[in-house]
């Protein structure tokens, strides 16, 4: 199988959350260009309460122009090396909950064609309620729903956030021992 190799690279955009570069690569018939989003990565959390309900967040997402129901999630900041610590921080910030137990579910690449972003997925149980600690630009509603209801929304196509759909799928397959279905 042919594997592309980088010939050259130039940064074409630098932003607060992501950068974009254009790489020149070897191709089957000479060379090609690939525009790549550079991103530090992110985390997403499937927070499961003792009663089996899932803690979700709802927020307006400017890019798609609507309120979106999602798993709590956030980006890995520069210098952060442990995604589990980031996941615990994001759960607390967005929902107010802290967790006694954390379980790694796996990772996903958000778009393998043009992005380096990797999202590490965690399940958290033993939840303890607390106060949200939102960033200045965040307005998040916390919503608690039965896992089976949220999962049904995902497979019916009523959840549009890819990390949420992936996280629910991973949780259903890996956490059948603790989910109340």
C-alpha atoms as a PDB file:
ATOM      1  CA  UNK A   1       0.000   0.000   0.000  1.00  0.00           C
ATOM      2  CA  UNK A   2       1.279   3.463  -0.900  1.00  0.00           C
ATOM      3  CA  UNK A   3       2.193   5.699   2.017  1.00  0.00           C
ATOM      4  CA  UNK A   4       2.518   9.460   1.600  1.00  0.00           C
ATOM      5  CA  UNK A   5       5.717  11.126   2.849  1.00  0.00           C
ATOM      6  CA  UNK A   6       6.133  14.797   3.731  1.00  0.00           C
ATOM      7  CA  UNK A   7       8.309  16.795   1.322  1.00  0.00           C
ATOM      8  CA  UNK A   8       7.721  20.225   2.856  1.00  0.00           C
ATOM      9  CA  UNK A   9       5.414  22.158   5.146  1.00  0.00           C
ATOM     10  CA  UNK A  10       4.219  25.721   5.789  1.00  0.00           C
ATOM     11  CA  UNK A  11       2.056  27.166   8.567  1.00  0.00           C
ATOM     12  CA  UNK A  12      -0.864  29.018   6.981  1.00  0.00           C
ATOM     13  CA  UNK A  13      -2.873  29.923  10.095  1.00  0.00           C
ATOM     14  CA  UNK A  14      -2.163  30.263  13.820  1.00  0.00           C
ATOM     15  CA  UNK A  15      -5.059  30.518  16.242  1.00  0.00           C
ATOM     16  CA  UNK A  16      -5.912  30.239  19.912  1.00  0.00           C
ATOM     17  CA  UNK A  17      -7.334  26.705  19.662  1.00  0.00           C
ATOM     18  CA  UNK A  18      -5.865  25.339  16.455  1.00  0.00           C
ATOM     19  CA  UNK A  19      -3.307  25.937  13.746  1.00  0.00           C
ATOM     20  CA  UNK A  20      -3.437  24.998  10.092  1.00  0.00           C
ATOM     21  CA  UNK A  21      -0.493  23.910   7.959  1.00  0.00           C
ATOM     22  CA  UNK A  22      -0.143  22.915   4.318  1.00  0.00           C
ATOM     23  CA  UNK A  23       2.089  19.907   3.716  1.00  0.00           C
ATOM     24  CA  UNK A  24       3.491  18.909   0.360  1.00  0.00           C
ATOM     25  CA  UNK A  25       3.538  15.089   0.199  1.00  0.00           C
ATOM     26  CA  UNK A  26       4.547  12.346  -2.161  1.00  0.00           C
ATOM     27  CA  UNK A  27       1.610  10.935  -4.103  1.00  0.00           C
ATOM     28  CA  UNK A  28       1.074   8.020  -6.460  1.00  0.00           C
ATOM     29  CA  UNK A  29       1.476  10.365  -9.442  1.00  0.00           C
ATOM     30  CA  UNK A  30       4.051  12.862  -8.183  1.00  0.00           C
ATOM     31  CA  UNK A  31       3.052  15.069  -5.259  1.00  0.00           C
ATOM     32  CA  UNK A  32      -0.029  16.544  -3.579  1.00  0.00           C
ATOM     33  CA  UNK A  33      -0.908  19.067  -0.894  1.00  0.00           C
ATOM     34  CA  UNK A  34      -2.631  18.265   2.413  1.00  0.00           C
ATOM     35  CA  UNK A  35      -4.075  20.947   4.662  1.00  0.00           C
ATOM     36  CA  UNK A  36      -3.852  19.738   8.253  1.00  0.00           C
ATOM     37  CA  UNK A  37      -5.472  21.086  11.411  1.00  0.00           C
ATOM     38  CA  UNK A  38      -3.068  20.957  14.345  1.00  0.00           C
ATOM     39  CA  UNK A  39      -4.868  20.549  17.667  1.00  0.00           C
ATOM     40  CA  UNK A  40      -3.624  19.664  21.187  1.00  0.00           C
ATOM     41  CA  UNK A  41      -6.387  17.093  21.591  1.00  0.00           C
ATOM     42  CA  UNK A  42      -9.406  16.846  23.809  1.00  0.00           C
ATOM     43  CA  UNK A  43     -11.303  14.680  26.264  1.00  0.00           C
ATOM     44  CA  UNK A  44     -14.929  13.620  26.617  1.00  0.00           C
ATOM     45  CA  UNK A  45     -16.660  12.114  29.631  1.00  0.00           C
ATOM     46  CA  UNK A  46     -19.583   9.712  29.993  1.00  0.00           C
ATOM     47  CA  UNK A  47     -20.666  10.628  33.558  1.00  0.00           C
ATOM     48  CA  UNK A  48     -22.869   7.859  34.977  1.00  0.00           C
ATOM     49  CA  UNK A  49     -24.867   8.464  38.151  1.00  0.00           C
ATOM     50  CA  UNK A  50     -25.628   5.672  40.608  1.00  0.00           C
ATOM     51  CA  UNK A  51     -29.185   5.461  39.235  1.00  0.00           C
ATOM     52  CA  UNK A  52     -27.813   4.815  35.720  1.00  0.00           C
ATOM     53  CA  UNK A  53     -28.614   8.277  34.379  1.00  0.00           C
ATOM     54  CA  UNK A  54     -26.086  10.116  32.242  1.00  0.00           C
ATOM     55  CA  UNK A  55     -25.117  13.723  32.910  1.00  0.00           C
ATOM     56  CA  UNK A  56     -25.181  15.639  29.636  1.00  0.00           C
ATOM     57  CA  UNK A  57     -24.555  19.270  28.737  1.00  0.00           C
ATOM     58  CA  UNK A  58     -26.465  21.489  26.358  1.00  0.00           C
ATOM     59  CA  UNK A  59     -24.928  24.574  24.848  1.00  0.00           C
ATOM     60  CA  UNK A  60     -25.281  26.787  21.814  1.00  0.00           C
ATOM     61  CA  UNK A  61     -22.693  25.911  19.184  1.00  0.00           C
ATOM     62  CA  UNK A  62     -21.995  28.825  16.877  1.00  0.00           C
ATOM     63  CA  UNK A  63     -20.459  26.716  14.086  1.00  0.00           C
ATOM     64  CA  UNK A  64     -23.699  24.777  13.533  1.00  0.00           C
ATOM     65  CA  UNK A  65     -26.030  27.557  14.670  1.00  0.00           C
ATOM     66  CA  UNK A  66     -28.001  25.614  17.273  1.00  0.00           C
ATOM     67  CA  UNK A  67     -28.134  24.234  20.805  1.00  0.00           C
ATOM     68  CA  UNK A  68     -26.417  20.849  20.970  1.00  0.00           C
ATOM     69  CA  UNK A  69     -26.790  18.072  23.533  1.00  0.00           C
ATOM     70  CA  UNK A  70     -23.335  16.625  24.259  1.00  0.00           C
ATOM     71  CA  UNK A  71     -21.170  14.731  26.670  1.00  0.00           C
ATOM     72  CA  UNK A  72     -19.074  17.027  28.883  1.00  0.00           C
ATOM     73  CA  UNK A  73     -15.805  17.630  27.078  1.00  0.00           C
ATOM     74  CA  UNK A  74     -12.945  20.018  26.572  1.00  0.00           C
ATOM     75  CA  UNK A  75      -9.574  20.606  25.049  1.00  0.00           C
ATOM     76  CA  UNK A  76      -6.208  19.619  26.403  1.00  0.00           C
ATOM     77  CA  UNK A  77      -4.326  22.822  27.172  1.00  0.00           C
ATOM     78  CA  UNK A  78      -0.693  23.326  26.234  1.00  0.00           C
ATOM     79  CA  UNK A  79       1.556  21.602  28.787  1.00  0.00           C
ATOM     80  CA  UNK A  80      -1.114  19.177  30.037  1.00  0.00           C
ATOM     81  CA  UNK A  81       0.076  15.591  29.702  1.00  0.00           C
ATOM     82  CA  UNK A  82      -2.541  13.440  31.450  1.00  0.00           C
ATOM     83  CA  UNK A  83      -5.898  13.337  29.638  1.00  0.00           C
ATOM     84  CA  UNK A  84      -7.558  11.715  32.693  1.00  0.00           C
ATOM     85  CA  UNK A  85      -6.740  14.809  34.772  1.00  0.00           C
ATOM     86  CA  UNK A  86      -8.123  17.020  31.990  1.00  0.00           C
ATOM     87  CA  UNK A  87     -11.297  14.908  31.861  1.00  0.00           C
ATOM     88  CA  UNK A  88     -11.853  15.272  35.615  1.00  0.00           C
ATOM     89  CA  UNK A  89     -11.285  19.034  35.346  1.00  0.00           C
ATOM     90  CA  UNK A  90     -13.724  19.395  32.459  1.00  0.00           C
ATOM     91  CA  UNK A  91     -16.408  17.351  34.229  1.00  0.00           C
ATOM     92  CA  UNK A  92     -16.148  19.656  37.249  1.00  0.00           C
ATOM     93  CA  UNK A  93     -16.060  22.869  35.212  1.00  0.00           C
ATOM     94  CA  UNK A  94     -18.988  22.028  32.942  1.00  0.00           C
ATOM     95  CA  UNK A  95     -21.299  20.088  35.278  1.00  0.00           C
ATOM     96  CA  UNK A  96     -20.107  20.722  38.837  1.00  0.00           C
ATOM     97  CA  UNK A  97     -19.689  16.972  39.381  1.00  0.00           C
ATOM     98  CA  UNK A  98     -16.576  15.241  40.654  1.00  0.00           C
ATOM     99  CA  UNK A  99     -16.068  11.497  40.256  1.00  0.00           C
ATOM    100  CA  UNK A 100     -14.688   8.800  42.523  1.00  0.00           C
ATOM    101  CA  UNK A 101     -14.002   6.401  39.651  1.00  0.00           C
ATOM    102  CA  UNK A 102     -12.596   6.945  36.186  1.00  0.00           C
ATOM    103  CA  UNK A 103     -12.327   4.387  33.405  1.00  0.00           C
ATOM    104  CA  UNK A 104     -10.603   4.883  30.063  1.00  0.00           C
ATOM    105  CA  UNK A 105     -12.840   3.877  27.155  1.00  0.00           C
ATOM    106  CA  UNK A 106     -10.486   4.602  24.253  1.00  0.00           C
ATOM    107  CA  UNK A 107      -9.761   7.383  21.812  1.00  0.00           C
ATOM    108  CA  UNK A 108     -11.129   8.671  18.549  1.00  0.00           C
ATOM    109  CA  UNK A 109      -9.624  10.763  15.786  1.00  0.00           C
ATOM    110  CA  UNK A 110     -12.180  13.406  14.888  1.00  0.00           C
ATOM    111  CA  UNK A 111     -11.407  13.586  11.172  1.00  0.00           C
ATOM    112  CA  UNK A 112      -8.599  11.448   9.827  1.00  0.00           C
ATOM    113  CA  UNK A 113      -8.492  13.256   6.473  1.00  0.00           C
ATOM    114  CA  UNK A 114      -7.457  16.687   7.736  1.00  0.00           C
ATOM    115  CA  UNK A 115      -7.093  16.884  11.516  1.00  0.00           C
ATOM    116  CA  UNK A 116      -4.587  15.657  14.084  1.00  0.00           C
ATOM    117  CA  UNK A 117      -7.133  16.028  16.908  1.00  0.00           C
ATOM    118  CA  UNK A 118      -7.519  13.000  19.165  1.00  0.00           C
ATOM    119  CA  UNK A 119     -10.274  12.819  21.789  1.00  0.00           C
ATOM    120  CA  UNK A 120      -9.684  10.553  24.784  1.00  0.00           C
ATOM    121  CA  UNK A 121     -12.947   9.092  26.096  1.00  0.00           C
ATOM    122  CA  UNK A 122     -13.610   8.317  29.774  1.00  0.00           C
ATOM    123  CA  UNK A 123     -16.473   6.960  31.841  1.00  0.00           C
ATOM    124  CA  UNK A 124     -16.830   8.376  35.343  1.00  0.00           C
ATOM    125  CA  UNK A 125     -18.893   6.967  38.214  1.00  0.00           C
ATOM    126  CA  UNK A 126     -19.311   7.678  41.905  1.00  0.00           C
ATOM    127  CA  UNK A 127     -20.441  11.197  41.031  1.00  0.00           C
ATOM    128  CA  UNK A 128     -20.701  13.915  43.656  1.00  0.00           C
ATOM    129  CA  UNK A 129     -22.632  17.098  42.866  1.00  0.00           C
ATOM    130  CA  UNK A 130     -21.052  20.511  43.164  1.00  0.00           C
ATOM    131  CA  UNK A 131     -20.975  23.925  41.500  1.00  0.00           C
ATOM    132  CA  UNK A 132     -20.086  24.547  37.863  1.00  0.00           C
ATOM    133  CA  UNK A 133     -16.924  26.542  37.177  1.00  0.00           C
ATOM    134  CA  UNK A 134     -17.584  27.745  33.636  1.00  0.00           C
ATOM    135  CA  UNK A 135     -15.181  29.698  31.463  1.00  0.00           C
ATOM    136  CA  UNK A 136     -16.194  33.326  30.875  1.00  0.00           C
ATOM    137  CA  UNK A 137     -17.493  32.522  27.386  1.00  0.00           C
ATOM    138  CA  UNK A 138     -19.512  29.411  28.345  1.00  0.00           C
ATOM    139  CA  UNK A 139     -23.245  29.065  29.007  1.00  0.00           C
ATOM    140  CA  UNK A 140     -23.996  25.396  29.711  1.00  0.00           C
ATOM    141  CA  UNK A 141     -27.191  23.695  30.877  1.00  0.00           C
ATOM    142  CA  UNK A 142     -26.701  20.418  32.747  1.00  0.00           C
ATOM    143  CA  UNK A 143     -29.242  17.745  31.809  1.00  0.00           C
ATOM    144  CA  UNK A 144     -29.624  14.324  33.418  1.00  0.00           C
ATOM    145  CA  UNK A 145     -31.188  11.570  31.302  1.00  0.00           C
ATOM    146  CA  UNK A 146     -31.523   7.786  31.394  1.00  0.00           C
ATOM    147  CA  UNK A 147     -28.663   6.171  29.466  1.00  0.00           C
ATOM    148  CA  UNK A 148     -31.016   4.170  27.245  1.00  0.00           C
ATOM    149  CA  UNK A 149     -32.887   7.344  26.226  1.00  0.00           C
ATOM    150  CA  UNK A 150     -29.692   9.171  25.275  1.00  0.00           C
ATOM    151  CA  UNK A 151     -28.367   6.092  23.477  1.00  0.00           C
ATOM    152  CA  UNK A 152     -31.630   5.829  21.494  1.00  0.00           C
ATOM    153  CA  UNK A 153     -31.267   9.480  20.493  1.00  0.00           C
ATOM    154  CA  UNK A 154     -27.783   8.683  19.199  1.00  0.00           C
ATOM    155  CA  UNK A 155     -28.716   5.701  17.048  1.00  0.00           C
ATOM    156  CA  UNK A 156     -31.804   7.500  15.715  1.00  0.00           C
ATOM    157  CA  UNK A 157     -29.589  10.351  14.509  1.00  0.00           C
ATOM    158  CA  UNK A 158     -31.016  12.941  16.921  1.00  0.00           C
ATOM    159  CA  UNK A 159     -27.592  13.681  18.452  1.00  0.00           C
ATOM    160  CA  UNK A 160     -25.339  15.475  16.003  1.00  0.00           C
ATOM    161  CA  UNK A 161     -22.110  15.618  18.017  1.00  0.00           C
ATOM    162  CA  UNK A 162     -19.747  12.871  16.841  1.00  0.00           C
ATOM    163  CA  UNK A 163     -17.768  12.561  20.093  1.00  0.00           C
ATOM    164  CA  UNK A 164     -21.020  12.109  21.998  1.00  0.00           C
ATOM    165  CA  UNK A 165     -22.254   9.369  19.678  1.00  0.00           C
ATOM    166  CA  UNK A 166     -18.866   7.608  19.852  1.00  0.00           C
ATOM    167  CA  UNK A 167     -18.679   7.925  23.643  1.00  0.00           C
ATOM    168  CA  UNK A 168     -22.151   6.473  24.119  1.00  0.00           C
ATOM    169  CA  UNK A 169     -21.336   3.579  21.794  1.00  0.00           C
ATOM    170  CA  UNK A 170     -18.088   2.851  23.665  1.00  0.00           C
ATOM    171  CA  UNK A 171     -19.860   3.060  27.030  1.00  0.00           C
ATOM    172  CA  UNK A 172     -22.679   0.722  26.027  1.00  0.00           C
ATOM    173  CA  UNK A 173     -20.224  -1.908  24.814  1.00  0.00           C
ATOM    174  CA  UNK A 174     -17.684  -1.622  27.632  1.00  0.00           C
ATOM    175  CA  UNK A 175     -19.817  -0.806  30.669  1.00  0.00           C
ATOM    176  CA  UNK A 176     -22.674  -3.298  30.484  1.00  0.00           C
ATOM    177  CA  UNK A 177     -21.666  -4.400  33.996  1.00  0.00           C
ATOM    178  CA  UNK A 178     -22.564  -1.005  35.504  1.00  0.00           C
ATOM    179  CA  UNK A 179     -25.183   0.497  33.170  1.00  0.00           C
ATOM    180  CA  UNK A 180     -28.807   0.166  34.140  1.00  0.00           C
ATOM    181  CA  UNK A 181     -30.593  -0.540  30.870  1.00  0.00           C
END
